Amino acid sequence: MWKSIGCISTLLSVFPLSILYGGSLVKNLKAINTTTPIVINEVTHPYTHEELPAHPTNGLVLELYHEEANQIVDEEDWFDRFGFYYPQPIDMSVSDIPRSTMYGELKFLRMHNKRYYAIYETVYQLTEAKDIYDEGHNYTLIVLPKTSDTAIAFDLDRLFPDILEMCWFDAVDDVVYFNATYNGYADIREEKTGYLYSLDITDGIVIWATKNLISSYRGFTLYRNHIITGYGFTAEPDFLYVVNRFNGSTAQTIPIKTAHEYIAIKNNRCYVRTYNMNYVYTMQE
């Protein structure tokens, strides 16, 4: 676990946070709309916090076990064949988290360790279009502990300049992970895209950020002490990456023929579906 240099009680005494009166949808909405977010500042890439502690873990190695061409249109068959579930951005079992707030529309919702983690998105028009897609995105992270009457919010906007978008999100313990990328050619952003971030919600700090071109709009999968992700686009090189989730270092780089679309893990094997290929990797730590 990330070594704390503070605590939520410290943040509550410094930043104005709202109180949740019970777990009802209406009261949660009121609490979110009256919460002042903590602003998360932009960082360099790559970046690691100066007080990042050592986390001795075994390295994860993926070894190719099988590859085959798919039929492109047989995506549903691939999920059925291996018994996978489609990755869902919103945990639909949660009914008392509002889908719309002053911070925008709910884009991601997770529950972990009796906390709700909600990402709200506001889409706006850019003053200067970068591409045919001229929309910008603002993001706010709301953390709602189920066993507490407090809420905390984080303004992530500075990590998403102009057309960068959050395309996947997850949480483990007191840490959240998300990417910032653009669904288009990297040169439109001068290759300043495809970042993966780790944010400590206890202290409100970025733990690490990867270099560019690591995580694409198709997202990532958490596996124990690592994150499996990938980057690629039409006429660009395509790779899978194994990232250490404690310090953001790249543990392994694997070239693939086309960019990943889905990454699923089952029975100690990693299954990767791309536009026209299916891969299976063994996993060794």
C-alpha atoms as a PDB file:
ATOM      1  CA  MET A   1       0.000   0.000   0.000  1.00  0.00           C
ATOM      2  CA  TRP A   2       1.142   3.553  -0.673  1.00  0.00           C
ATOM      3  CA  LYS A   3       2.847   5.041   2.380  1.00  0.00           C
ATOM      4  CA  SER A   4       0.669   7.827   3.717  1.00  0.00           C
ATOM      5  CA  ILE A   5       2.113  11.246   4.505  1.00  0.00           C
ATOM      6  CA  GLY A   6      -1.215  12.448   5.811  1.00  0.00           C
ATOM      7  CA  CYS A   7      -4.731  11.196   6.361  1.00  0.00           C
ATOM      8  CA  ILE A   8      -8.275  11.872   5.277  1.00  0.00           C
ATOM      9  CA  SER A   9      -8.982  13.564   8.614  1.00  0.00           C
ATOM     10  CA  THR A  10      -6.222  16.075   7.798  1.00  0.00           C
ATOM     11  CA  LEU A  11      -7.762  16.813   4.420  1.00  0.00           C
ATOM     12  CA  LEU A  12     -11.181  17.201   5.983  1.00  0.00           C
ATOM     13  CA  SER A  13      -9.817  19.867   8.331  1.00  0.00           C
ATOM     14  CA  VAL A  14      -8.180  21.801   5.474  1.00  0.00           C
ATOM     15  CA  PHE A  15     -10.595  21.489   2.562  1.00  0.00           C
ATOM     16  CA  PRO A  16     -14.327  22.285   2.681  1.00  0.00           C
ATOM     17  CA  LEU A  17     -16.134  18.978   2.247  1.00  0.00           C
ATOM     18  CA  SER A  18     -19.814  18.153   2.358  1.00  0.00           C
ATOM     19  CA  ILE A  19     -21.586  15.862   4.751  1.00  0.00           C
ATOM     20  CA  LEU A  20     -23.664  12.948   3.522  1.00  0.00           C
ATOM     21  CA  TYR A  21     -26.822  12.455   5.572  1.00  0.00           C
ATOM     22  CA  GLY A  22     -27.506   8.795   4.933  1.00  0.00           C
ATOM     23  CA  GLY A  23     -27.213   6.924   1.659  1.00  0.00           C
ATOM     24  CA  SER A  24     -30.179   8.174  -0.324  1.00  0.00           C
ATOM     25  CA  LEU A  25     -29.808   9.362  -3.885  1.00  0.00           C
ATOM     26  CA  VAL A  26     -31.159  12.859  -3.144  1.00  0.00           C
ATOM     27  CA  LYS A  27     -28.888  13.431  -0.168  1.00  0.00           C
ATOM     28  CA  ASN A  28     -25.864  12.114  -2.000  1.00  0.00           C
ATOM     29  CA  LEU A  29     -26.620  14.467  -4.874  1.00  0.00           C
ATOM     30  CA  LYS A  30     -26.810  17.424  -2.486  1.00  0.00           C
ATOM     31  CA  ALA A  31     -23.537  16.442  -0.847  1.00  0.00           C
ATOM     32  CA  ILE A  32     -21.712  16.115  -4.173  1.00  0.00           C
ATOM     33  CA  ASN A  33     -23.040  19.404  -5.512  1.00  0.00           C
ATOM     34  CA  THR A  34     -21.863  21.309  -2.427  1.00  0.00           C
ATOM     35  CA  THR A  35     -18.410  19.749  -2.196  1.00  0.00           C
ATOM     36  CA  THR A  36     -15.403  21.865  -3.134  1.00  0.00           C
ATOM     37  CA  PRO A  37     -12.851  19.687  -4.959  1.00  0.00           C
ATOM     38  CA  ILE A  38      -9.154  19.465  -4.175  1.00  0.00           C
ATOM     39  CA  VAL A  39      -7.264  20.528  -7.313  1.00  0.00           C
ATOM     40  CA  ILE A  40      -4.732  17.998  -8.599  1.00  0.00           C
ATOM     41  CA  ASN A  41      -1.903  19.782 -10.368  1.00  0.00           C
ATOM     42  CA  GLU A  42      -0.327  18.755 -13.648  1.00  0.00           C
ATOM     43  CA  VAL A  43       2.849  16.677 -13.464  1.00  0.00           C
ATOM     44  CA  THR A  44       5.703  15.914 -15.836  1.00  0.00           C
ATOM     45  CA  HIS A  45       5.894  12.642 -17.799  1.00  0.00           C
ATOM     46  CA  PRO A  46       7.178  10.299 -16.617  1.00  0.00           C
ATOM     47  CA  TYR A  47       6.746  11.247 -12.957  1.00  0.00           C
ATOM     48  CA  THR A  48       7.203   9.610  -9.560  1.00  0.00           C
ATOM     49  CA  HIS A  49       6.519  11.254  -6.234  1.00  0.00           C
ATOM     50  CA  GLU A  50       9.677  12.136  -4.311  1.00  0.00           C
ATOM     51  CA  GLU A  51       8.589  10.082  -1.286  1.00  0.00           C
ATOM     52  CA  LEU A  52       7.659   7.015  -3.273  1.00  0.00           C
ATOM     53  CA  PRO A  53       8.507   4.030  -1.039  1.00  0.00           C
ATOM     54  CA  ALA A  54       9.960   0.772  -2.284  1.00  0.00           C
ATOM     55  CA  HIS A  55       7.490  -2.045  -2.922  1.00  0.00           C
ATOM     56  CA  PRO A  56       9.401  -5.282  -3.428  1.00  0.00           C
ATOM     57  CA  THR A  57       7.261  -7.409  -5.710  1.00  0.00           C
ATOM     58  CA  ASN A  58       7.911 -10.209  -8.092  1.00  0.00           C
ATOM     59  CA  GLY A  59       7.965  -9.088 -11.695  1.00  0.00           C
ATOM     60  CA  LEU A  60       5.146 -10.249 -13.943  1.00  0.00           C
ATOM     61  CA  VAL A  61       6.156 -11.826 -17.249  1.00  0.00           C
ATOM     62  CA  LEU A  62       3.733 -12.598 -20.073  1.00  0.00           C
ATOM     63  CA  GLU A  63       4.774 -15.327 -22.497  1.00  0.00           C
ATOM     64  CA  LEU A  64       2.900 -15.975 -25.720  1.00  0.00           C
ATOM     65  CA  TYR A  65       1.024 -19.265 -25.542  1.00  0.00           C
ATOM     66  CA  HIS A  66      -1.278 -19.031 -28.553  1.00  0.00           C
ATOM     67  CA  GLU A  67      -2.278 -16.596 -31.263  1.00  0.00           C
ATOM     68  CA  GLU A  68      -4.882 -16.781 -33.995  1.00  0.00           C
ATOM     69  CA  ALA A  69      -6.647 -14.509 -36.417  1.00  0.00           C
ATOM     70  CA  ASN A  70     -10.204 -13.656 -35.499  1.00  0.00           C
ATOM     71  CA  GLN A  71     -13.132 -12.862 -37.778  1.00  0.00           C
ATOM     72  CA  ILE A  72     -13.311  -9.206 -36.631  1.00  0.00           C
ATOM     73  CA  VAL A  73     -17.091  -9.427 -36.213  1.00  0.00           C
ATOM     74  CA  ASP A  74     -16.967 -12.349 -33.754  1.00  0.00           C
ATOM     75  CA  GLU A  75     -16.394 -10.272 -30.629  1.00  0.00           C
ATOM     76  CA  GLU A  76     -19.440 -11.669 -28.808  1.00  0.00           C
ATOM     77  CA  ASP A  77     -18.330 -15.224 -29.597  1.00  0.00           C
ATOM     78  CA  TRP A  78     -14.915 -14.492 -28.059  1.00  0.00           C
ATOM     79  CA  PHE A  79     -16.542 -13.396 -24.787  1.00  0.00           C
ATOM     80  CA  ASP A  80     -18.875 -16.400 -24.762  1.00  0.00           C
ATOM     81  CA  ARG A  81     -16.135 -18.866 -25.658  1.00  0.00           C
ATOM     82  CA  PHE A  82     -14.020 -18.028 -22.624  1.00  0.00           C
ATOM     83  CA  GLY A  83     -16.812 -17.013 -20.265  1.00  0.00           C
ATOM     84  CA  PHE A  84     -15.744 -13.368 -19.957  1.00  0.00           C
ATOM     85  CA  TYR A  85     -17.987 -10.493 -18.996  1.00  0.00           C
ATOM     86  CA  TYR A  86     -17.945  -7.264 -20.958  1.00  0.00           C
ATOM     87  CA  PRO A  87     -16.024  -4.641 -18.968  1.00  0.00           C
ATOM     88  CA  GLN A  88     -18.525  -2.140 -17.578  1.00  0.00           C
ATOM     89  CA  PRO A  89     -17.551   1.465 -16.847  1.00  0.00           C
ATOM     90  CA  ILE A  90     -20.390   1.830 -14.320  1.00  0.00           C
ATOM     91  CA  ASP A  91     -21.249  -0.639 -11.573  1.00  0.00           C
ATOM     92  CA  MET A  92     -24.974  -0.884 -12.245  1.00  0.00           C
ATOM     93  CA  SER A  93     -25.635  -2.571  -8.899  1.00  0.00           C
ATOM     94  CA  VAL A  94     -25.187   0.807  -7.200  1.00  0.00           C
ATOM     95  CA  SER A  95     -28.444   2.767  -7.133  1.00  0.00           C
ATOM     96  CA  ASP A  96     -27.774   5.590  -4.664  1.00  0.00           C
ATOM     97  CA  ILE A  97     -25.070   7.426  -6.622  1.00  0.00           C
ATOM     98  CA  PRO A  98     -26.512  10.175  -8.877  1.00  0.00           C
ATOM     99  CA  ARG A  99     -25.939   9.820 -12.609  1.00  0.00           C
ATOM    100  CA  SER A 100     -25.848  13.578 -13.120  1.00  0.00           C
ATOM    101  CA  THR A 101     -24.387  16.330 -10.903  1.00  0.00           C
ATOM    102  CA  MET A 102     -22.997  19.862 -11.194  1.00  0.00           C
ATOM    103  CA  TYR A 103     -19.738  18.173 -12.227  1.00  0.00           C
ATOM    104  CA  GLY A 104     -21.342  16.517 -15.224  1.00  0.00           C
ATOM    105  CA  GLU A 105     -22.485  13.032 -16.113  1.00  0.00           C
ATOM    106  CA  LEU A 106     -21.356   9.859 -14.372  1.00  0.00           C
ATOM    107  CA  LYS A 107     -18.761   8.115 -16.542  1.00  0.00           C
ATOM    108  CA  PHE A 108     -17.164   5.564 -14.186  1.00  0.00           C
ATOM    109  CA  LEU A 109     -18.365   4.045 -10.939  1.00  0.00           C
ATOM    110  CA  ARG A 110     -16.527   1.543  -8.778  1.00  0.00           C
ATOM    111  CA  MET A 111     -17.009   0.166  -5.286  1.00  0.00           C
ATOM    112  CA  HIS A 112     -13.958  -0.984  -3.338  1.00  0.00           C
ATOM    113  CA  ASN A 113     -13.336  -1.425   0.390  1.00  0.00           C
ATOM    114  CA  LYS A 114     -16.742   0.031   1.253  1.00  0.00           C
ATOM    115  CA  ARG A 115     -16.141   3.180  -0.770  1.00  0.00           C
ATOM    116  CA  TYR A 116     -17.800   4.458  -3.905  1.00  0.00           C
ATOM    117  CA  TYR A 117     -15.467   5.966  -6.502  1.00  0.00           C
ATOM    118  CA  ALA A 118     -17.373   8.069  -9.038  1.00  0.00           C
ATOM    119  CA  ILE A 119     -15.924   9.933 -12.013  1.00  0.00           C
ATOM    120  CA  TYR A 120     -18.054  12.753 -13.430  1.00  0.00           C
ATOM    121  CA  GLU A 121     -17.371  14.202 -16.871  1.00  0.00           C
ATOM    122  CA  THR A 122     -18.235  17.529 -18.466  1.00  0.00           C
ATOM    123  CA  VAL A 123     -17.724  17.835 -22.227  1.00  0.00           C
ATOM    124  CA  TYR A 124     -17.069  21.287 -23.696  1.00  0.00           C
ATOM    125  CA  GLN A 125     -16.197  22.846 -27.031  1.00  0.00           C
ATOM    126  CA  LEU A 126     -12.565  23.792 -27.573  1.00  0.00           C
ATOM    127  CA  THR A 127     -11.773  27.331 -28.643  1.00  0.00           C
ATOM    128  CA  GLU A 128      -9.240  25.933 -31.102  1.00  0.00           C
ATOM    129  CA  ALA A 129     -10.047  22.632 -32.783  1.00  0.00           C
ATOM    130  CA  LYS A 130      -7.244  20.058 -32.792  1.00  0.00           C
ATOM    131  CA  ASP A 131      -9.022  17.673 -35.125  1.00  0.00           C
ATOM    132  CA  ILE A 132     -12.476  16.992 -36.483  1.00  0.00           C
ATOM    133  CA  TYR A 133     -13.225  16.080 -32.884  1.00  0.00           C
ATOM    134  CA  ASP A 134     -13.020  19.457 -31.138  1.00  0.00           C
ATOM    135  CA  GLU A 135     -14.311  18.522 -27.693  1.00  0.00           C
ATOM    136  CA  GLY A 136     -12.533  18.869 -24.370  1.00  0.00           C
ATOM    137  CA  HIS A 137     -13.223  16.948 -21.172  1.00  0.00           C
ATOM    138  CA  ASN A 138     -13.270  17.941 -17.502  1.00  0.00           C
ATOM    139  CA  TYR A 139     -13.203  15.260 -14.790  1.00  0.00           C
ATOM    140  CA  THR A 140     -14.037  15.218 -11.094  1.00  0.00           C
ATOM    141  CA  LEU A 141     -13.441  12.233  -8.826  1.00  0.00           C
ATOM    142  CA  ILE A 142     -15.909  11.849  -5.947  1.00  0.00           C
ATOM    143  CA  VAL A 143     -15.127   9.401  -3.130  1.00  0.00           C
ATOM    144  CA  LEU A 144     -18.075   8.362  -0.954  1.00  0.00           C
ATOM    145  CA  PRO A 145     -17.245   6.039   1.961  1.00  0.00           C
ATOM    146  CA  LYS A 146     -20.264   3.840   2.727  1.00  0.00           C
ATOM    147  CA  THR A 147     -19.463   3.694   6.439  1.00  0.00           C
ATOM    148  CA  SER A 148     -18.823   7.420   6.855  1.00  0.00           C
ATOM    149  CA  ASP A 149     -20.837  10.615   6.601  1.00  0.00           C
ATOM    150  CA  THR A 150     -18.233  12.531   4.596  1.00  0.00           C
ATOM    151  CA  ALA A 151     -17.443  12.946   0.929  1.00  0.00           C
ATOM    152  CA  ILE A 152     -14.287  14.143  -0.783  1.00  0.00           C
ATOM    153  CA  ALA A 153     -13.742  15.404  -4.322  1.00  0.00           C
ATOM    154  CA  PHE A 154     -10.729  15.816  -6.608  1.00  0.00           C
ATOM    155  CA  ASP A 155     -10.547  18.139  -9.612  1.00  0.00           C
ATOM    156  CA  LEU A 156      -8.557  16.276 -12.297  1.00  0.00           C
ATOM    157  CA  ASP A 157      -8.936  18.851 -15.071  1.00  0.00           C
ATOM    158  CA  ARG A 158      -5.264  19.859 -15.235  1.00  0.00           C
ATOM    159  CA  LEU A 159      -4.328  16.309 -16.188  1.00  0.00           C
ATOM    160  CA  PHE A 160      -6.604  16.477 -19.272  1.00  0.00           C
ATOM    161  CA  PRO A 161      -5.592  19.391 -21.512  1.00  0.00           C
ATOM    162  CA  ASP A 162      -7.688  20.000 -24.646  1.00  0.00           C
ATOM    163  CA  ILE A 163      -8.707  16.713 -26.356  1.00  0.00           C
ATOM    164  CA  LEU A 164      -7.310  14.195 -23.853  1.00  0.00           C
ATOM    165  CA  GLU A 165      -9.977  11.919 -22.415  1.00  0.00           C
ATOM    166  CA  MET A 166     -10.264   9.457 -19.532  1.00  0.00           C
ATOM    167  CA  CYS A 167     -11.036   6.123 -21.161  1.00  0.00           C
ATOM    168  CA  TRP A 168     -10.689   3.755 -18.201  1.00  0.00           C
ATOM    169  CA  PHE A 169     -10.655   3.932 -14.412  1.00  0.00           C
ATOM    170  CA  ASP A 170     -10.219   1.565 -11.457  1.00  0.00           C
ATOM    171  CA  ALA A 171      -9.435   1.577  -7.732  1.00  0.00           C
ATOM    172  CA  VAL A 172      -7.477  -0.537  -5.251  1.00  0.00           C
ATOM    173  CA  ASP A 173      -7.181   0.268  -1.526  1.00  0.00           C
ATOM    174  CA  ASP A 174      -6.641   4.059  -1.244  1.00  0.00           C
ATOM    175  CA  VAL A 175      -5.330   4.441  -4.800  1.00  0.00           C
ATOM    176  CA  VAL A 176      -7.127   5.107  -8.078  1.00  0.00           C
ATOM    177  CA  TYR A 177      -5.789   4.475 -11.568  1.00  0.00           C
ATOM    178  CA  PHE A 178      -6.878   6.136 -14.802  1.00  0.00           C
ATOM    179  CA  ASN A 179      -5.546   7.015 -18.220  1.00  0.00           C
ATOM    180  CA  ALA A 180      -5.492  10.216 -20.258  1.00  0.00           C
ATOM    181  CA  THR A 181      -5.443   9.619 -23.978  1.00  0.00           C
ATOM    182  CA  TYR A 182      -6.815  10.643 -27.338  1.00  0.00           C
ATOM    183  CA  ASN A 183      -8.706   8.363 -29.689  1.00  0.00           C
ATOM    184  CA  GLY A 184      -6.855   9.464 -32.781  1.00  0.00           C
ATOM    185  CA  TYR A 185      -3.409   9.924 -34.281  1.00  0.00           C
ATOM    186  CA  ALA A 186      -0.762  10.697 -31.671  1.00  0.00           C
ATOM    187  CA  ASP A 187       0.886  13.367 -33.823  1.00  0.00           C
ATOM    188  CA  ILE A 188      -2.210  15.561 -33.465  1.00  0.00           C
ATOM    189  CA  ARG A 189      -1.131  15.939 -29.833  1.00  0.00           C
ATOM    190  CA  GLU A 190       2.578  15.895 -30.702  1.00  0.00           C
ATOM    191  CA  GLU A 191       2.566  12.444 -29.060  1.00  0.00           C
ATOM    192  CA  LYS A 192       1.525  13.975 -25.704  1.00  0.00           C
ATOM    193  CA  THR A 193      -1.085  11.301 -25.126  1.00  0.00           C
ATOM    194  CA  GLY A 194      -1.514   7.780 -23.774  1.00  0.00           C
ATOM    195  CA  TYR A 195      -0.631   8.474 -20.127  1.00  0.00           C
ATOM    196  CA  LEU A 196      -1.443   6.274 -17.152  1.00  0.00           C
ATOM    197  CA  TYR A 197      -1.844   7.823 -13.668  1.00  0.00           C
ATOM    198  CA  SER A 198      -1.920   6.678 -10.060  1.00  0.00           C
ATOM    199  CA  LEU A 199      -3.553   8.982  -7.478  1.00  0.00           C
ATOM    200  CA  ASP A 200      -3.497   8.563  -3.698  1.00  0.00           C
ATOM    201  CA  ILE A 201      -6.876   9.675  -2.320  1.00  0.00           C
ATOM    202  CA  THR A 202      -5.652   9.744   1.283  1.00  0.00           C
ATOM    203  CA  ASP A 203      -3.146  12.525   0.645  1.00  0.00           C
ATOM    204  CA  GLY A 204      -4.529  13.906  -2.600  1.00  0.00           C
ATOM    205  CA  ILE A 205      -1.304  13.462  -4.580  1.00  0.00           C
ATOM    206  CA  VAL A 206      -0.261  11.907  -7.854  1.00  0.00           C
ATOM    207  CA  ILE A 207       1.932   8.926  -6.964  1.00  0.00           C
ATOM    208  CA  TRP A 208       3.218   8.399 -10.486  1.00  0.00           C
ATOM    209  CA  ALA A 209       2.519   9.072 -14.131  1.00  0.00           C
ATOM    210  CA  THR A 210       3.900   7.088 -17.039  1.00  0.00           C
ATOM    211  CA  LYS A 211       5.605   8.369 -20.131  1.00  0.00           C
ATOM    212  CA  ASN A 212       3.484   8.947 -23.228  1.00  0.00           C
ATOM    213  CA  LEU A 213       2.029   6.291 -25.553  1.00  0.00           C
ATOM    214  CA  ILE A 214       1.470   3.679 -22.835  1.00  0.00           C
ATOM    215  CA  SER A 215      -2.317   3.387 -22.428  1.00  0.00           C
ATOM    216  CA  SER A 216      -4.785   3.862 -25.276  1.00  0.00           C
ATOM    217  CA  TYR A 217      -8.500   4.572 -25.375  1.00  0.00           C
ATOM    218  CA  ARG A 218      -9.148   0.818 -24.917  1.00  0.00           C
ATOM    219  CA  GLY A 219      -7.972   1.034 -21.326  1.00  0.00           C
ATOM    220  CA  PHE A 220      -6.244  -1.371 -18.966  1.00  0.00           C
ATOM    221  CA  THR A 221      -6.694  -4.299 -16.567  1.00  0.00           C
ATOM    222  CA  LEU A 222      -5.432  -4.527 -12.981  1.00  0.00           C
ATOM    223  CA  TYR A 223      -3.780  -7.790 -11.987  1.00  0.00           C
ATOM    224  CA  ARG A 224      -2.317  -8.104  -8.492  1.00  0.00           C
ATOM    225  CA  ASN A 225       0.704  -5.789  -8.354  1.00  0.00           C
ATOM    226  CA  HIS A 226       0.603  -4.858 -12.024  1.00  0.00           C
ATOM    227  CA  ILE A 227      -1.435  -3.141 -14.701  1.00  0.00           C
ATOM    228  CA  ILE A 228      -1.722  -4.644 -18.167  1.00  0.00           C
ATOM    229  CA  THR A 229      -2.449  -2.076 -20.828  1.00  0.00           C
ATOM    230  CA  GLY A 230      -1.459  -1.190 -24.363  1.00  0.00           C
ATOM    231  CA  TYR A 231      -1.159   1.535 -26.931  1.00  0.00           C
ATOM    232  CA  GLY A 232      -1.536   1.696 -30.684  1.00  0.00           C
ATOM    233  CA  PHE A 233      -3.538   3.213 -33.492  1.00  0.00           C
ATOM    234  CA  THR A 234      -3.933   2.982 -37.258  1.00  0.00           C
ATOM    235  CA  ALA A 235      -0.526   3.246 -38.950  1.00  0.00           C
ATOM    236  CA  GLU A 236       1.184   3.447 -35.539  1.00  0.00           C
ATOM    237  CA  PRO A 237       3.185   0.718 -33.739  1.00  0.00           C
ATOM    238  CA  ASP A 238       1.103  -1.423 -31.367  1.00  0.00           C
ATOM    239  CA  PHE A 239       2.280  -2.777 -28.023  1.00  0.00           C
ATOM    240  CA  LEU A 240       1.128  -4.351 -24.784  1.00  0.00           C
ATOM    241  CA  TYR A 241       2.701  -3.044 -21.586  1.00  0.00           C
ATOM    242  CA  VAL A 242       3.010  -4.560 -18.122  1.00  0.00           C
ATOM    243  CA  VAL A 243       3.245  -1.688 -15.623  1.00  0.00           C
ATOM    244  CA  ASN A 244       4.198  -1.929 -11.951  1.00  0.00           C
ATOM    245  CA  ARG A 245       1.190  -0.433 -10.175  1.00  0.00           C
ATOM    246  CA  PHE A 246       3.261   0.827  -7.229  1.00  0.00           C
ATOM    247  CA  ASN A 247       5.781   2.951  -9.123  1.00  0.00           C
ATOM    248  CA  GLY A 248       4.532   3.137 -12.721  1.00  0.00           C
ATOM    249  CA  SER A 249       7.634   1.551 -14.242  1.00  0.00           C
ATOM    250  CA  THR A 250       7.264  -0.504 -17.408  1.00  0.00           C
ATOM    251  CA  ALA A 251       8.053  -4.120 -16.515  1.00  0.00           C
ATOM    252  CA  GLN A 252       7.513  -5.558 -20.001  1.00  0.00           C
ATOM    253  CA  THR A 253       6.885  -4.366 -23.556  1.00  0.00           C
ATOM    254  CA  ILE A 254       5.259  -6.773 -26.005  1.00  0.00           C
ATOM    255  CA  PRO A 255       4.769  -5.937 -29.704  1.00  0.00           C
ATOM    256  CA  ILE A 256       1.430  -7.034 -31.178  1.00  0.00           C
ATOM    257  CA  LYS A 257       0.044  -6.805 -34.699  1.00  0.00           C
ATOM    258  CA  THR A 258      -2.851  -4.470 -33.969  1.00  0.00           C
ATOM    259  CA  ALA A 259      -3.831  -2.501 -30.877  1.00  0.00           C
ATOM    260  CA  HIS A 260      -5.655  -4.276 -28.066  1.00  0.00           C
ATOM    261  CA  GLU A 261      -9.411  -3.971 -27.715  1.00  0.00           C
ATOM    262  CA  TYR A 262      -9.965  -6.129 -24.628  1.00  0.00           C
ATOM    263  CA  ILE A 263      -7.711  -7.624 -21.970  1.00  0.00           C
ATOM    264  CA  ALA A 264      -9.123 -10.367 -19.743  1.00  0.00           C
ATOM    265  CA  ILE A 265      -7.472 -12.607 -17.164  1.00  0.00           C
ATOM    266  CA  LYS A 266      -8.621 -16.103 -16.270  1.00  0.00           C
ATOM    267  CA  ASN A 267      -6.910 -19.146 -14.720  1.00  0.00           C
ATOM    268  CA  ASN A 268      -3.526 -17.422 -14.663  1.00  0.00           C
ATOM    269  CA  ARG A 269      -3.657 -16.604 -18.357  1.00  0.00           C
ATOM    270  CA  CYS A 270      -4.030 -13.263 -20.070  1.00  0.00           C
ATOM    271  CA  TYR A 271      -6.383 -13.123 -23.050  1.00  0.00           C
ATOM    272  CA  VAL A 272      -6.015 -10.214 -25.440  1.00  0.00           C
ATOM    273  CA  ARG A 273      -8.383  -9.431 -28.284  1.00  0.00           C
ATOM    274  CA  THR A 274      -7.342  -6.971 -30.974  1.00  0.00           C
ATOM    275  CA  TYR A 275      -9.060  -5.801 -34.131  1.00  0.00           C
ATOM    276  CA  ASN A 276      -8.115  -8.929 -36.074  1.00  0.00           C
ATOM    277  CA  MET A 277      -6.072 -11.135 -33.701  1.00  0.00           C
ATOM    278  CA  ASN A 278      -6.613 -13.146 -30.508  1.00  0.00           C
ATOM    279  CA  TYR A 279      -3.671 -13.710 -28.162  1.00  0.00           C
ATOM    280  CA  VAL A 280      -3.264 -15.901 -25.086  1.00  0.00           C
ATOM    281  CA  TYR A 281      -0.337 -15.372 -22.701  1.00  0.00           C
ATOM    282  CA  THR A 282       0.825 -17.404 -19.736  1.00  0.00           C
ATOM    283  CA  MET A 283       1.559 -15.316 -16.635  1.00  0.00           C
ATOM    284  CA  GLN A 284       4.569 -15.896 -14.413  1.00  0.00           C
ATOM    285  CA  GLU A 285       5.632 -13.964 -11.308  1.00  0.00           C
END
